[in-house]
C-alpha atoms as a PDB file:
ATOM      1  CA  MET A   1     -16.502  38.051  33.836  1.00  0.00           C
ATOM      2  CA  LYS A   2     -15.931  37.861  30.236  1.00  0.00           C
ATOM      3  CA  GLU A   3     -18.983  39.489  28.672  1.00  0.00           C
ATOM      4  CA  ILE A   4     -18.359  42.800  30.953  1.00  0.00           C
ATOM      5  CA  GLU A   5     -14.839  42.543  29.733  1.00  0.00           C
ATOM      6  CA  THR A   6     -15.407  42.094  26.037  1.00  0.00           C
ATOM      7  CA  ILE A   7     -18.017  45.357  26.076  1.00  0.00           C
ATOM      8  CA  ALA A   8     -15.300  47.389  27.926  1.00  0.00           C
ATOM      9  CA  GLU A   9     -13.191  46.335  25.442  1.00  0.00           C
ATOM     10  CA  ALA A  10     -15.238  47.141  22.513  1.00  0.00           C
ATOM     11  CA  MET A  11     -16.006  50.620  23.805  1.00  0.00           C
ATOM     12  CA  LEU A  12     -12.491  51.626  24.424  1.00  0.00           C
ATOM     13  CA  GLU A  13     -11.708  50.393  20.839  1.00  0.00           C
ATOM     14  CA  LYS A  14     -13.879  53.140  19.690  1.00  0.00           C
ATOM     15  CA  LYS A  15     -12.492  55.718  21.869  1.00  0.00           C
ATOM     16  CA  ALA A  16     -15.266  55.868  24.680  1.00  0.00           C
ATOM     17  CA  SER A  17     -14.781  57.922  27.698  1.00  0.00           C
ATOM     18  CA  GLY A  18     -15.457  56.803  31.420  1.00  0.00           C
ATOM     19  CA  VAL A  19     -15.954  53.236  30.836  1.00  0.00           C
ATOM     20  CA  ILE A  20     -17.207  51.669  33.698  1.00  0.00           C
ATOM     21  CA  SER A  21     -19.112  48.831  35.148  1.00  0.00           C
ATOM     22  CA  LEU A  22     -21.411  48.587  38.046  1.00  0.00           C
ATOM     23  CA  ASP A  23     -22.087  45.557  40.120  1.00  0.00           C
ATOM     24  CA  LEU A  24     -25.684  45.895  41.066  1.00  0.00           C
ATOM     25  CA  ARG A  25     -26.248  42.441  42.410  1.00  0.00           C
ATOM     26  CA  LYS A  26     -26.139  43.386  46.092  1.00  0.00           C
ATOM     27  CA  THR A  27     -28.491  46.162  45.742  1.00  0.00           C
ATOM     28  CA  GLY A  28     -31.459  44.160  45.740  1.00  0.00           C
ATOM     29  CA  THR A  29     -33.298  46.774  43.820  1.00  0.00           C
ATOM     30  CA  ALA A  30     -31.980  46.535  40.141  1.00  0.00           C
ATOM     31  CA  ILE A  31     -33.701  44.809  37.178  1.00  0.00           C
ATOM     32  CA  THR A  32     -29.919  43.415  35.968  1.00  0.00           C
ATOM     33  CA  ASP A  33     -27.150  42.350  37.681  1.00  0.00           C
ATOM     34  CA  HIS A  34     -24.464  44.652  35.710  1.00  0.00           C
ATOM     35  CA  PHE A  35     -24.616  48.063  34.145  1.00  0.00           C
ATOM     36  CA  VAL A  36     -21.536  48.943  31.695  1.00  0.00           C
ATOM     37  CA  ILE A  37     -21.388  52.926  30.751  1.00  0.00           C
ATOM     38  CA  CYS A  38     -19.443  55.154  28.740  1.00  0.00           C
ATOM     39  CA  ASN A  39     -19.712  58.167  27.039  1.00  0.00           C
ATOM     40  CA  ALA A  40     -18.746  59.905  23.826  1.00  0.00           C
ATOM     41  CA  ASP A  41     -18.927  63.559  22.457  1.00  0.00           C
ATOM     42  CA  SER A  42     -21.184  62.951  19.226  1.00  0.00           C
ATOM     43  CA  THR A  43     -23.708  61.024  18.129  1.00  0.00           C
ATOM     44  CA  THR A  44     -21.945  59.152  15.200  1.00  0.00           C
ATOM     45  CA  GLN A  45     -19.348  58.054  17.993  1.00  0.00           C
ATOM     46  CA  VAL A  46     -21.815  57.111  20.623  1.00  0.00           C
ATOM     47  CA  CYS A  47     -23.750  54.816  17.539  1.00  0.00           C
ATOM     48  CA  ALA A  48     -20.242  53.558  16.535  1.00  0.00           C
ATOM     49  CA  ILE A  49     -19.254  52.262  20.072  1.00  0.00           C
ATOM     50  CA  ALA A  50     -22.939  50.437  20.199  1.00  0.00           C
ATOM     51  CA  ASP A  51     -22.284  49.022  16.915  1.00  0.00           C
ATOM     52  CA  CYS A  52     -18.890  47.539  18.076  1.00  0.00           C
ATOM     53  CA  VAL A  53     -20.104  46.326  21.369  1.00  0.00           C
ATOM     54  CA  GLU A  54     -22.954  44.418  19.484  1.00  0.00           C
ATOM     55  CA  ASP A  55     -20.329  43.035  16.951  1.00  0.00           C
ATOM     56  CA  ARG A  56     -17.985  41.862  19.884  1.00  0.00           C
ATOM     57  CA  MET A  57     -20.363  40.845  21.935  1.00  0.00           C
ATOM     58  CA  ILE A  58     -21.546  38.003  18.800  1.00  0.00           C
ATOM     59  CA  GLU A  59     -18.149  37.649  17.830  1.00  0.00           C
ATOM     60  CA  LYS A  60     -16.555  36.752  21.363  1.00  0.00           C
ATOM     61  CA  CYS A  61     -19.443  35.947  23.632  1.00  0.00           C
ATOM     62  CA  HIS A  62     -21.918  34.228  20.724  1.00  0.00           C
ATOM     63  CA  ARG A  63     -24.363  36.549  22.558  1.00  0.00           C
ATOM     64  CA  LYS A  64     -27.025  39.187  20.706  1.00  0.00           C
ATOM     65  CA  VAL A  65     -28.621  41.816  22.106  1.00  0.00           C
ATOM     66  CA  LEU A  66     -32.235  41.407  23.523  1.00  0.00           C
ATOM     67  CA  ARG A  67     -33.385  44.763  23.443  1.00  0.00           C
ATOM     68  CA  MET A  68     -32.071  47.868  22.017  1.00  0.00           C
ATOM     69  CA  GLN A  69     -33.026  51.563  22.359  1.00  0.00           C
ATOM     70  CA  GLY A  70     -31.901  55.057  21.210  1.00  0.00           C
ATOM     71  CA  LYS A  71     -30.110  54.079  18.075  1.00  0.00           C
ATOM     72  CA  GLU A  72     -32.473  56.432  16.213  1.00  0.00           C
ATOM     73  CA  ASN A  73     -30.848  59.491  17.903  1.00  0.00           C
ATOM     74  CA  GLY A  74     -27.803  58.372  19.346  1.00  0.00           C
ATOM     75  CA  PHE A  75     -28.056  60.295  22.477  1.00  0.00           C
ATOM     76  CA  TRP A  76     -28.146  57.374  24.865  1.00  0.00           C
ATOM     77  CA  ILE A  77     -28.037  53.867  23.541  1.00  0.00           C
ATOM     78  CA  LEU A  78     -29.201  51.070  25.704  1.00  0.00           C
ATOM     79  CA  LEU A  79     -28.256  47.437  25.108  1.00  0.00           C
ATOM     80  CA  ASP A  80     -30.143  44.805  27.084  1.00  0.00           C
ATOM     81  CA  TYR A  81     -28.202  41.319  27.160  1.00  0.00           C
ATOM     82  CA  GLY A  82     -30.329  40.322  30.133  1.00  0.00           C
ATOM     83  CA  HIS A  83     -27.784  40.381  32.867  1.00  0.00           C
ATOM     84  CA  ILE A  84     -25.852  43.034  31.591  1.00  0.00           C
ATOM     85  CA  VAL A  85     -27.311  46.372  30.501  1.00  0.00           C
ATOM     86  CA  VAL A  86     -25.151  48.450  28.426  1.00  0.00           C
ATOM     87  CA  HIS A  87     -25.507  52.566  28.431  1.00  0.00           C
ATOM     88  CA  VAL A  88     -23.904  54.268  25.809  1.00  0.00           C
ATOM     89  CA  PHE A  89     -24.248  58.305  26.537  1.00  0.00           C
ATOM     90  CA  GLN A  90     -23.574  61.440  24.829  1.00  0.00           C
ATOM     91  CA  THR A  91     -21.652  63.139  27.271  1.00  0.00           C
ATOM     92  CA  GLU A  92     -23.969  65.793  28.199  1.00  0.00           C
ATOM     93  CA  TYR A  93     -26.468  63.192  28.426  1.00  0.00           C
ATOM     94  CA  ARG A  94     -24.525  61.049  31.011  1.00  0.00           C
ATOM     95  CA  ASN A  95     -23.779  64.308  32.889  1.00  0.00           C
ATOM     96  CA  PHE A  96     -27.438  65.026  33.026  1.00  0.00           C
ATOM     97  CA  TYR A  97     -28.551  61.616  34.207  1.00  0.00           C
ATOM     98  CA  ARG A  98     -25.862  60.792  36.443  1.00  0.00           C
ATOM     99  CA  LEU A  99     -26.488  57.091  36.433  1.00  0.00           C
ATOM    100  CA  GLU A 100     -23.233  56.481  38.714  1.00  0.00           C
ATOM    101  CA  GLU A 101     -24.825  58.499  41.190  1.00  0.00           C
ATOM    102  CA  LEU A 102     -28.271  56.780  41.320  1.00  0.00           C
ATOM    103  CA  TRP A 103     -26.533  53.000  42.028  1.00  0.00           C
ATOM    104  CA  ALA A 104     -23.712  54.592  44.274  1.00  0.00           C
ATOM    105  CA  ASP A 105     -23.855  51.969  46.789  1.00  0.00           C
ATOM    106  CA  SER A 106     -22.849  49.275  44.001  1.00  0.00           C
ATOM    107  CA  LYS A 107     -19.174  48.280  43.156  1.00  0.00           C
ATOM    108  CA  LYS A 108     -17.551  50.321  40.766  1.00  0.00           C
ATOM    109  CA  LYS A 109     -14.765  48.957  38.054  1.00  0.00           C
ATOM    110  CA  GLU A 110     -12.937  51.512  36.095  1.00  0.00           C
ATOM    111  CA  TYR A 111     -11.500  50.559  32.316  1.00  0.00           C
ATOM    112  CA  LYS A 112      -8.705  52.268  30.741  1.00  0.00           C
ATOM    113  CA  ASP A 113      -7.146  52.139  27.340  1.00  0.00           C
ATOM    114  CA  GLU A 114      -3.959  50.128  27.662  1.00  0.00           C
ATOM    115  CA  GLU A 115      -2.068  52.515  25.243  1.00  0.00           C
END
């Protein structure tokens, strides 16, 4: 899916760690079709990743974020695109909330930097 690839590329462009997507469609309980999740060690980097995702989605997919939360503190930024929800965590918050474990029965794809 072009949008998920665009989001993952934007995250990696800003040196995000642990970039994954989860396909939630078969779980039957999710409020969206996909999560794209990553983390970074500083609030500055978390905000930079979220900004880059927003910019690339407009530029490459002509999609604006529908709702956003968390930018004021940079601990966990959520970007809602309707069928895709993006989670950009500060590392300690990702480790605490463990979203991947909550949705462990969903199909997971990992993204790595091509360098």
